[in-house]
Amino acid sequence: MAKDTRFQVKKEQKISAIQQTDERMTGRAGLALFEAYIRSIQILPLIDRWFGSMRKNNKGLAITELFVQLFCFFIDGTSRHITWFDHLKADEGYAGVIGSSNLASSHTIKRLFSKFSFVRGYLFRRLLQHLFIWRLKITKPKVIMLGMDTMVLDNDDALKRHGVQPTYKKVKGFHPLQLNWGRYFVDAVFRGGKKHSNHSDTADSMLVYIVEKIRKEYRPDVPIIVRMDAGFYDHELFEIMEYLKVGYYCGGKHYNNVMNAAGWATDWQTFSSKDKREIWEYTEFKTRQGGWHKARRTIYSRLIQHGRQLALPGLVKDSIIITNLGMGGQLDEQIRKAGQEHLLSAHNILAEYHQRGADELANRALKNFGHEQLPFKRFAANTAWYYMMCVSHNLFEAFKEDVSEPVISVSVYADTIRRQLIDTAGKIVRHAGKLIMKVPRATFERLQLDRLFAACQNAPAMTG
């Protein structure tokens, strides 16, 4: 009987063994793009100017090279543990990808962060603000919409950490105050967990400084609007923003005079969310609380329909918005000159305030990009680690806009960029005195890597 050969498989199609090689290969070829982008935008001279004094002698790695390796560590996102630097140090392919012949060990990173003091924490804030002004000059917005909020970093399982305290979310951790512009973090103050939203004068001083910086380095006449939740309901904060000629939407509180005014109101209008799933009705009036020097515009809204389900009165908590927009004065005139007069109407104020969810998404994006659990025991070291994560996140968002947007949407989270772009196989070879990264043809064509690399080299540089 003849032998049946229909199901024979060629032996060369099967892997018969796994062996090691001394060739410089990597699974993070996409980091080469980010590394080229970092050096092209001229952020390293700023880092050297502000942090270079931390290096006491010429031994070891320069501060700028340590920052590049830390930026790449956060972009890579493979591990949140500092010991991972020891694994990276033994990987010659990784060293070739990020353009460094000498990689830092975990002990080097620990020594670096042990040198950070509270004073140098302000330098990180300055760096965040500089990145923000840089993006403003590129995008040139007619109106700057900022979001002020806090974010809980859950460190509940930390044994002993300076500043790890009970938070309002009933976990122990940190509770930084953050000011964001879309996906970018404009400024941040790292704080212990028990600090509430409007603790002390932190929010006041943050706004005063950033408004002055915007008007000095971007445009003196640009309208600025700040979105806040009810945690920042404070007439002193309102007065400061009114003095600065800054607009605000702030969540209100259900005081008796506000509820009574809503009860007597007869002029109600409807508002629908973008997806038409929620329908609200709203009215507006002026209210004045004890201690206020004047009455402020108040927009009262209540949910009447969610999907096909009608909402019964009293079962859904109504929302209240306090604002200084549409009250006349210089701010309203600036908004009209910018061609954004629609922002003054109650309907659009309600719509913009509902966009506070986008500010919450910025916090979610930061946690997806980095991690909540901070690695050090000392508060100053964890402060520096948190700011390094924020700066890396801003650079990552700028990289998406300036480089990877042609092939990957800027709205995606970090995990998508890592899986589709960063986690790319590559081989590093030297040819004609040049170091060249080779990747599979299918990957090269799918990601248009030649186009992306050219965008990295021609990225808009920072100034100042």
Protein backbone atom coordinates (compact mmCIF):
# COMPACT_ATOMS: atom_id res chain seq x y z
CA MET A 1 0.00 0.00 0.00
CA ALA A 2 1.36 3.41 -0.96
CA LYS A 3 2.35 5.77 1.87
CA ASP A 4 -0.11 8.64 2.45
CA THR A 5 1.84 11.92 2.18
CA ARG A 6 -1.04 14.39 2.19
CA PHE A 7 -0.41 15.62 5.75
CA GLN A 8 3.36 15.77 5.77
CA VAL A 9 4.82 19.01 7.09
CA LYS A 10 8.14 20.34 5.97
CA LYS A 11 10.66 20.04 8.78
CA GLU A 12 12.24 23.45 8.10
CA GLN A 13 8.97 25.18 9.09
CA LYS A 14 9.29 24.06 12.68
CA ILE A 15 11.60 25.61 15.29
CA SER A 16 13.81 22.83 16.50
CA ALA A 17 15.89 24.88 18.98
CA ILE A 18 16.34 28.33 20.52
CA GLN A 19 19.87 29.70 20.67
CA GLN A 20 21.50 32.93 21.73
CA THR A 21 23.13 35.47 19.44
CA ASP A 22 25.57 38.33 19.92
CA GLU A 23 23.85 40.49 17.30
CA ARG A 24 22.36 43.75 18.54
CA MET A 25 18.65 43.10 18.38
CA THR A 26 15.74 44.68 20.24
CA GLY A 27 12.01 44.39 20.71
CA ARG A 28 11.66 48.14 21.39
CA ALA A 29 12.71 49.59 18.04
CA GLY A 30 10.01 52.27 18.29
CA LEU A 31 11.91 53.92 21.16
CA ALA A 32 14.46 55.08 18.59
CA LEU A 33 11.83 57.46 17.22
CA PHE A 34 11.04 58.89 20.65
CA GLU A 35 14.74 59.26 21.49
CA ALA A 36 15.36 61.14 18.24
CA TYR A 37 12.34 63.34 18.96
CA ILE A 38 13.58 64.21 22.48
CA ARG A 39 16.93 65.36 21.16
CA SER A 40 15.38 67.26 18.26
CA ILE A 41 13.02 69.47 20.29
CA GLN A 42 15.93 70.93 22.28
CA ILE A 43 14.63 70.09 25.74
CA LEU A 44 17.99 68.74 26.91
CA PRO A 45 19.72 72.17 27.12
CA LEU A 46 16.90 73.32 29.42
CA ILE A 47 17.32 70.25 31.61
CA ASP A 48 21.06 70.80 31.78
CA ARG A 49 20.53 74.46 32.74
CA TRP A 50 18.04 73.72 35.53
CA PHE A 51 19.24 70.35 36.83
CA GLY A 52 22.88 70.18 35.73
CA SER A 53 24.16 71.40 39.11
CA MET A 54 23.09 68.08 40.65
CA ARG A 55 26.14 66.49 39.05
CA LYS A 56 29.05 67.26 41.38
CA ASN A 57 31.84 65.91 39.13
CA ASN A 58 32.43 64.59 35.62
CA LYS A 59 32.29 60.95 36.64
CA GLY A 60 29.32 58.89 35.62
CA LEU A 61 26.44 59.84 33.36
CA ALA A 62 25.43 63.39 32.55
CA ILE A 63 22.11 64.62 33.95
CA THR A 64 20.68 64.98 30.45
CA GLU A 65 21.47 61.34 29.62
CA LEU A 66 19.84 60.18 32.86
CA PHE A 67 16.72 62.17 31.99
CA VAL A 68 16.62 60.64 28.49
CA GLN A 69 16.84 57.15 29.98
CA LEU A 70 14.08 57.96 32.47
CA PHE A 71 11.84 59.37 29.73
CA CYS A 72 12.36 56.19 27.71
CA PHE A 73 11.70 54.07 30.82
CA PHE A 74 8.27 55.69 31.24
CA ILE A 75 7.47 55.54 27.51
CA ASP A 76 8.43 51.85 27.41
CA GLY A 77 6.19 51.04 30.38
CA THR A 78 7.38 47.43 30.65
CA SER A 79 7.98 47.70 34.39
CA ARG A 80 7.37 50.19 37.17
CA HIS A 81 10.19 48.79 39.33
CA ILE A 82 13.53 50.57 39.54
CA THR A 83 15.36 47.21 39.47
CA TRP A 84 14.29 47.00 35.80
CA PHE A 85 17.15 49.40 35.02
CA ASP A 86 19.57 46.57 35.88
CA HIS A 87 17.99 44.37 33.20
CA LEU A 88 18.14 47.22 30.68
CA LYS A 89 21.80 47.87 31.46
CA ALA A 90 22.67 44.33 30.33
CA ASP A 91 20.79 44.76 27.02
CA GLU A 92 23.09 46.09 24.29
CA GLY A 93 20.19 46.31 21.85
CA TYR A 94 18.28 48.64 24.18
CA ALA A 95 21.38 50.81 24.58
CA GLY A 96 21.63 51.15 20.82
CA VAL A 97 17.95 52.05 20.50
CA ILE A 98 18.10 55.00 22.91
CA GLY A 99 21.51 56.14 21.64
CA SER A 100 23.51 55.61 24.83
CA SER A 101 26.68 53.61 25.28
CA ASN A 102 26.39 53.62 29.08
CA LEU A 103 23.08 52.80 30.73
CA ALA A 104 22.21 53.64 34.33
CA SER A 105 21.79 50.92 36.94
CA SER A 106 19.09 50.88 39.59
CA HIS A 107 21.64 52.18 42.13
CA THR A 108 22.41 55.14 39.87
CA ILE A 109 18.71 56.00 39.64
CA LYS A 110 18.27 55.72 43.40
CA ARG A 111 21.24 58.02 44.02
CA LEU A 112 19.82 60.53 41.54
CA PHE A 113 16.42 60.73 43.24
CA SER A 114 17.99 60.87 46.70
CA LYS A 115 19.50 64.23 45.67
CA PHE A 116 16.17 65.86 44.84
CA SER A 117 14.96 68.41 47.36
CA PHE A 118 11.71 70.36 47.62
CA VAL A 119 13.39 73.31 45.90
CA ARG A 120 14.18 71.25 42.82
CA GLY A 121 10.54 70.16 42.74
CA TYR A 122 9.72 73.72 41.66
CA LEU A 123 12.10 73.29 38.73
CA PHE A 124 9.95 70.40 37.51
CA ARG A 125 6.90 72.64 37.69
CA ARG A 126 8.80 75.22 35.67
CA LEU A 127 9.58 72.54 33.09
CA LEU A 128 5.91 71.55 32.86
CA GLN A 129 4.92 75.18 32.32
CA HIS A 130 7.59 75.61 29.66
CA LEU A 131 6.25 72.57 27.78
CA PHE A 132 2.75 74.05 27.99
CA ILE A 133 3.80 77.42 26.54
CA TRP A 134 5.67 75.56 23.78
CA ARG A 135 2.49 73.71 22.77
CA LEU A 136 0.42 76.91 22.97
CA LYS A 137 2.73 78.62 20.47
CA ILE A 138 2.35 75.66 18.11
CA THR A 139 -1.44 75.24 18.27
CA LYS A 140 -2.32 78.97 18.77
CA PRO A 141 -5.74 78.50 20.46
CA LYS A 142 -8.21 81.41 20.41
CA VAL A 143 -9.43 80.56 23.93
CA ILE A 144 -7.45 78.65 26.55
CA MET A 145 -9.65 76.22 28.48
CA LEU A 146 -7.92 74.91 31.61
CA GLY A 147 -9.13 72.26 34.02
CA MET A 148 -8.26 72.30 37.72
CA ASP A 149 -8.70 69.04 39.56
CA THR A 150 -7.06 66.63 41.98
CA MET A 151 -6.01 63.01 41.47
CA VAL A 152 -5.67 60.27 44.06
CA LEU A 153 -2.63 58.01 43.76
CA ASP A 154 -3.54 54.77 45.51
CA ASN A 155 -0.59 53.62 47.66
CA ASP A 156 -2.75 51.73 50.14
CA ASP A 157 -0.37 48.78 50.33
CA ALA A 158 2.72 50.94 51.02
CA LEU A 159 4.29 49.98 54.33
CA LYS A 160 6.01 53.25 55.19
CA ARG A 161 5.89 56.21 52.84
CA HIS A 162 6.22 59.85 53.80
CA GLY A 163 2.99 61.63 52.84
CA VAL A 164 0.89 58.50 52.33
CA GLN A 165 -2.31 59.46 54.16
CA PRO A 166 -6.05 58.62 54.01
CA THR A 167 -7.75 60.22 50.99
CA TYR A 168 -11.39 60.99 50.25
CA LYS A 169 -11.55 57.79 48.19
CA LYS A 170 -10.98 55.79 51.40
CA VAL A 171 -7.53 54.58 50.39
CA LYS A 172 -4.16 55.75 51.63
CA GLY A 173 -2.04 57.57 49.10
CA PHE A 174 -1.10 60.94 47.65
CA HIS A 175 -3.46 63.66 46.45
CA PRO A 176 -1.75 66.07 44.00
CA LEU A 177 -3.43 69.21 42.69
CA GLN A 178 -3.22 69.44 38.88
CA LEU A 179 -3.96 72.00 36.20
CA ASN A 180 -4.43 70.54 32.73
CA TRP A 181 -4.97 71.82 29.21
CA GLY A 182 -6.61 68.99 27.32
CA ARG A 183 -4.24 66.04 27.56
CA TYR A 184 -1.32 68.17 28.79
CA PHE A 185 -0.52 68.92 32.42
CA VAL A 186 0.20 72.62 32.82
CA ASP A 187 1.19 72.61 36.47
CA ALA A 188 0.95 70.30 39.45
CA VAL A 189 1.57 70.35 43.19
CA PHE A 190 2.41 67.00 44.76
CA ARG A 191 0.72 66.67 48.16
CA GLY A 192 -0.07 64.21 50.92
CA GLY A 193 -3.31 62.27 50.82
CA LYS A 194 -5.22 64.24 53.47
CA LYS A 195 -4.97 67.58 51.62
CA HIS A 196 -8.37 68.55 50.26
CA SER A 197 -8.93 70.11 46.82
CA ASN A 198 -8.64 73.79 47.77
CA HIS A 199 -6.14 73.36 50.60
CA SER A 200 -4.45 76.57 51.76
CA ASP A 201 -3.63 79.03 48.96
CA THR A 202 -2.13 76.45 46.58
CA ALA A 203 -4.81 76.81 43.90
CA ASP A 204 -4.74 80.62 44.16
CA SER A 205 -0.99 80.93 43.67
CA MET A 206 -0.99 78.32 40.89
CA LEU A 207 -3.54 80.30 38.87
CA VAL A 208 -1.90 83.66 39.48
CA TYR A 209 1.45 82.40 38.25
CA ILE A 210 0.22 80.52 35.17
CA VAL A 211 -2.06 83.37 34.03
CA GLU A 212 0.84 85.80 34.25
CA LYS A 213 3.04 83.38 32.29
CA ILE A 214 0.44 82.87 29.55
CA ARG A 215 -0.08 86.60 29.05
CA LYS A 216 3.63 87.32 29.09
CA GLU A 217 4.91 84.51 26.88
CA TYR A 218 1.91 83.70 24.65
CA ARG A 219 -0.63 86.52 24.23
CA PRO A 220 -1.70 89.25 26.67
CA ASP A 221 -5.28 89.37 25.34
CA VAL A 222 -6.11 85.66 25.07
CA PRO A 223 -9.29 84.67 27.00
CA ILE A 224 -8.61 82.11 29.75
CA ILE A 225 -11.37 79.95 31.26
CA VAL A 226 -10.93 77.51 34.16
CA ARG A 227 -13.21 74.53 34.83
CA MET A 228 -13.47 73.30 38.45
CA ASP A 229 -15.66 71.00 40.51
CA ALA A 230 -17.40 71.88 43.77
CA GLY A 231 -14.22 71.14 45.73
CA PHE A 232 -13.00 74.59 44.65
CA TYR A 233 -16.20 76.42 45.62
CA ASP A 234 -14.61 79.37 47.42
CA HIS A 235 -15.48 83.05 47.01
CA GLU A 236 -11.85 84.07 47.63
CA LEU A 237 -10.76 81.94 44.68
CA PHE A 238 -13.57 83.48 42.60
CA GLU A 239 -12.44 86.99 43.52
CA ILE A 240 -8.85 86.23 42.54
CA MET A 241 -9.92 84.95 39.11
CA GLU A 242 -12.20 87.95 38.62
CA TYR A 243 -9.29 90.24 39.52
CA LEU A 244 -7.14 88.40 36.96
CA LYS A 245 -9.91 88.76 34.32
CA VAL A 246 -10.11 84.97 34.06
CA GLY A 247 -13.35 83.14 33.39
CA TYR A 248 -14.46 80.17 35.45
CA TYR A 249 -17.08 77.44 35.65
CA CYS A 250 -17.29 75.99 39.15
CA GLY A 251 -19.60 73.37 40.57
CA GLY A 252 -21.99 74.90 43.09
CA LYS A 253 -23.53 73.68 46.31
CA HIS A 254 -27.17 73.03 47.19
CA TYR A 255 -27.73 75.91 49.57
CA ASN A 256 -31.29 76.81 50.52
CA ASN A 257 -31.33 80.13 48.66
CA VAL A 258 -30.16 78.40 45.45
CA MET A 259 -32.81 75.67 45.74
CA ASN A 260 -35.51 78.25 46.50
CA ALA A 261 -34.53 80.34 43.45
CA ALA A 262 -34.69 77.23 41.25
CA GLY A 263 -38.08 76.38 42.71
CA TRP A 264 -39.49 79.78 41.77
CA ALA A 265 -37.96 79.76 38.27
CA THR A 266 -40.33 79.58 35.30
CA ASP A 267 -37.98 79.99 32.34
CA TRP A 268 -36.69 76.44 31.75
CA GLN A 269 -34.90 75.24 28.60
CA THR A 270 -33.62 71.84 27.47
CA PHE A 271 -30.10 70.65 26.81
CA SER A 272 -29.06 67.35 25.20
CA SER A 273 -25.71 65.62 25.48
CA LYS A 274 -23.72 64.96 22.31
CA ASP A 275 -24.89 61.36 22.06
CA LYS A 276 -28.51 62.44 22.79
CA ARG A 277 -28.67 59.87 25.60
CA GLU A 278 -29.19 62.45 28.33
CA ILE A 279 -31.62 65.36 28.31
CA TRP A 280 -31.41 68.11 30.89
CA GLU A 281 -33.50 71.14 31.63
CA TYR A 282 -31.89 74.26 33.00
CA THR A 283 -32.56 77.79 34.14
CA GLU A 284 -30.36 80.66 35.30
CA PHE A 285 -30.45 83.34 37.95
CA LYS A 286 -28.10 85.20 40.29
CA THR A 287 -27.27 84.11 43.83
CA ARG A 288 -25.26 85.62 46.62
CA GLN A 289 -23.99 83.69 49.63
CA GLY A 290 -22.98 85.05 53.00
CA GLY A 291 -19.59 86.74 52.80
CA TRP A 292 -19.83 87.38 49.06
CA HIS A 293 -19.42 90.97 47.96
CA LYS A 294 -21.68 90.53 44.95
CA ALA A 295 -24.14 88.15 43.33
CA ARG A 296 -22.86 85.69 40.73
CA ARG A 297 -24.45 84.03 37.75
CA THR A 298 -25.87 80.63 38.63
CA ILE A 299 -27.02 77.96 36.17
CA TYR A 300 -29.23 75.28 37.68
CA SER A 301 -29.82 72.06 35.73
CA ARG A 302 -31.58 68.78 36.39
CA LEU A 303 -31.63 65.50 34.48
CA ILE A 304 -35.07 64.67 33.05
CA GLN A 305 -34.25 61.74 30.74
CA HIS A 306 -31.48 59.14 30.56
CA GLY A 307 -31.73 57.08 27.39
CA ARG A 308 -35.38 56.03 27.21
CA GLN A 309 -35.81 56.24 30.96
CA LEU A 310 -37.41 59.35 32.44
CA ALA A 311 -35.77 60.68 35.61
CA LEU A 312 -38.11 61.42 38.49
CA PRO A 313 -37.54 64.69 40.39
CA GLY A 314 -35.59 64.21 43.59
CA LEU A 315 -34.08 60.85 42.59
CA VAL A 316 -31.23 62.38 40.56
CA LYS A 317 -28.98 65.01 42.09
CA ASP A 318 -29.28 68.33 40.30
CA SER A 319 -26.16 70.23 39.22
CA ILE A 320 -25.29 73.85 39.89
CA ILE A 321 -22.72 75.95 38.05
CA ILE A 322 -21.30 79.25 39.31
CA THR A 323 -19.67 81.39 36.61
CA ASN A 324 -18.54 84.94 35.88
CA LEU A 325 -19.08 84.63 32.12
CA GLY A 326 -21.83 86.65 30.51
CA MET A 327 -21.71 89.26 33.27
CA GLY A 328 -20.24 92.01 31.07
CA GLY A 329 -16.80 93.50 31.41
CA GLN A 330 -13.38 93.00 29.84
CA LEU A 331 -13.45 89.19 29.81
CA ASP A 332 -16.69 89.02 27.80
CA GLU A 333 -15.26 91.52 25.34
CA GLN A 334 -12.10 89.43 24.89
CA ILE A 335 -14.22 86.36 24.16
CA ARG A 336 -16.29 88.26 21.57
CA LYS A 337 -13.13 89.56 19.85
CA ALA A 338 -11.87 85.97 19.68
CA GLY A 339 -15.06 85.01 17.82
CA GLN A 340 -16.22 82.72 20.63
CA GLU A 341 -19.29 84.62 21.78
CA HIS A 342 -21.25 81.37 22.01
CA LEU A 343 -19.25 80.53 25.16
CA LEU A 344 -21.23 83.20 27.04
CA SER A 345 -24.64 81.55 26.63
CA ALA A 346 -26.07 79.39 29.42
CA HIS A 347 -26.54 76.48 26.98
CA ASN A 348 -22.84 76.42 26.02
CA ILE A 349 -21.67 77.00 29.58
CA LEU A 350 -23.60 73.88 30.55
CA ALA A 351 -22.09 72.00 27.59
CA GLU A 352 -18.55 73.12 28.45
CA TYR A 353 -18.97 72.20 32.09
CA HIS A 354 -20.08 68.74 31.06
CA GLN A 355 -16.72 68.50 29.29
CA ARG A 356 -15.09 68.27 32.70
CA GLY A 357 -15.16 64.56 31.95
CA ALA A 358 -12.33 65.26 29.50
CA ASP A 359 -10.29 66.64 32.40
CA GLU A 360 -10.90 63.39 34.28
CA LEU A 361 -9.70 61.51 31.20
CA ALA A 362 -6.37 63.35 31.47
CA ASN A 363 -5.93 61.82 34.94
CA ARG A 364 -6.85 58.42 33.56
CA ALA A 365 -4.36 58.84 30.72
CA LEU A 366 -1.58 59.70 33.20
CA LYS A 367 -2.31 56.61 35.27
CA ASN A 368 -2.42 54.47 32.13
CA PHE A 369 0.87 55.97 31.01
CA GLY A 370 2.65 55.67 34.37
CA HIS A 371 1.58 54.14 37.67
CA GLU A 372 -0.02 55.09 40.96
CA GLN A 373 2.35 53.32 43.32
CA LEU A 374 5.47 55.39 43.89
CA PRO A 375 8.76 53.62 44.61
CA PHE A 376 10.53 55.61 47.34
CA LYS A 377 10.05 56.14 51.07
CA ARG A 378 11.11 59.80 51.12
CA PHE A 379 8.50 62.36 50.12
CA ALA A 380 10.98 64.50 48.14
CA ALA A 381 12.13 61.52 46.05
CA ASN A 382 8.53 60.48 45.31
CA THR A 383 7.76 64.10 44.40
CA ALA A 384 10.54 64.06 41.81
CA TRP A 385 9.37 60.68 40.47
CA TYR A 386 5.80 61.98 40.11
CA TYR A 387 6.97 65.10 38.26
CA MET A 388 9.22 63.00 36.02
CA MET A 389 6.17 60.94 35.14
CA CYS A 390 4.14 64.10 34.33
CA VAL A 391 6.91 65.56 32.15
CA SER A 392 7.33 62.22 30.34
CA HIS A 393 3.57 62.11 29.76
CA ASN A 394 3.57 65.61 28.24
CA LEU A 395 6.46 64.66 25.95
CA PHE A 396 4.58 61.51 24.97
CA GLU A 397 1.48 63.55 24.07
CA ALA A 398 3.59 65.99 22.05
CA PHE A 399 5.26 63.03 20.29
CA LYS A 400 1.82 61.71 19.27
CA GLU A 401 0.84 65.06 17.78
CA ASP A 402 4.15 65.86 16.05
CA VAL A 403 5.24 62.38 14.92
CA SER A 404 2.89 59.41 15.17
CA GLU A 405 -0.42 61.07 14.22
CA PRO A 406 -0.24 60.00 10.52
CA VAL A 407 -0.41 56.32 11.49
CA ILE A 408 -1.99 56.27 14.99
CA SER A 409 -4.70 58.57 16.33
CA VAL A 410 -3.61 61.09 18.98
CA SER A 411 -6.63 60.14 21.12
CA VAL A 412 -5.35 56.64 21.94
CA TYR A 413 -3.91 55.73 25.32
CA ALA A 414 -0.30 54.80 25.97
CA ASP A 415 -0.90 51.05 25.75
CA THR A 416 -1.97 51.33 22.11
CA ILE A 417 1.14 53.28 21.13
CA ARG A 418 3.33 50.81 22.99
CA ARG A 419 1.82 47.74 21.33
CA GLN A 420 1.62 49.18 17.81
CA LEU A 421 4.73 51.38 17.60
CA ILE A 422 7.16 50.98 20.49
CA ASP A 423 7.10 47.16 20.66
CA THR A 424 8.65 46.68 17.23
CA ALA A 425 11.41 44.18 16.45
CA GLY A 426 14.61 45.67 15.10
CA LYS A 427 18.24 44.90 14.39
CA ILE A 428 21.01 47.45 14.90
CA VAL A 429 23.86 47.31 12.40
CA ARG A 430 26.77 49.54 11.50
CA HIS A 431 27.17 50.44 7.85
CA ALA A 432 29.50 52.98 6.27
CA GLY A 433 30.34 54.39 9.69
CA LYS A 434 26.67 54.91 10.57
CA LEU A 435 24.42 53.14 13.03
CA ILE A 436 21.27 51.88 11.27
CA MET A 437 18.10 50.30 12.62
CA LYS A 438 16.58 47.57 10.43
CA VAL A 439 13.01 46.43 10.90
CA PRO A 440 10.79 43.93 9.00
CA ARG A 441 9.51 45.25 5.66
CA ALA A 442 5.84 44.79 6.61
CA THR A 443 6.32 46.79 9.80
CA PHE A 444 8.30 49.47 8.00
CA GLU A 445 5.54 49.98 5.44
CA ARG A 446 2.64 49.74 7.89
CA LEU A 447 4.08 52.36 10.25
CA GLN A 448 5.70 54.49 7.52
CA LEU A 449 8.84 54.58 9.67
CA ASP A 450 10.83 56.62 7.17
CA ARG A 451 8.18 59.34 7.34
CA LEU A 452 7.99 59.19 11.14
CA PHE A 453 11.76 59.38 11.53
CA ALA A 454 11.88 62.46 9.28
CA ALA A 455 9.17 64.04 11.45
CA CYS A 456 11.29 63.35 14.55
CA GLN A 457 14.29 65.12 13.03
CA ASN A 458 12.19 68.12 11.99
CA ALA A 459 10.14 68.43 15.19
CA PRO A 460 9.43 71.99 16.44
CA ALA A 461 12.15 73.02 18.88
CA MET A 462 11.61 74.76 22.21
CA THR A 463 12.91 78.25 22.78
CA GLY A 464 13.92 80.13 25.89
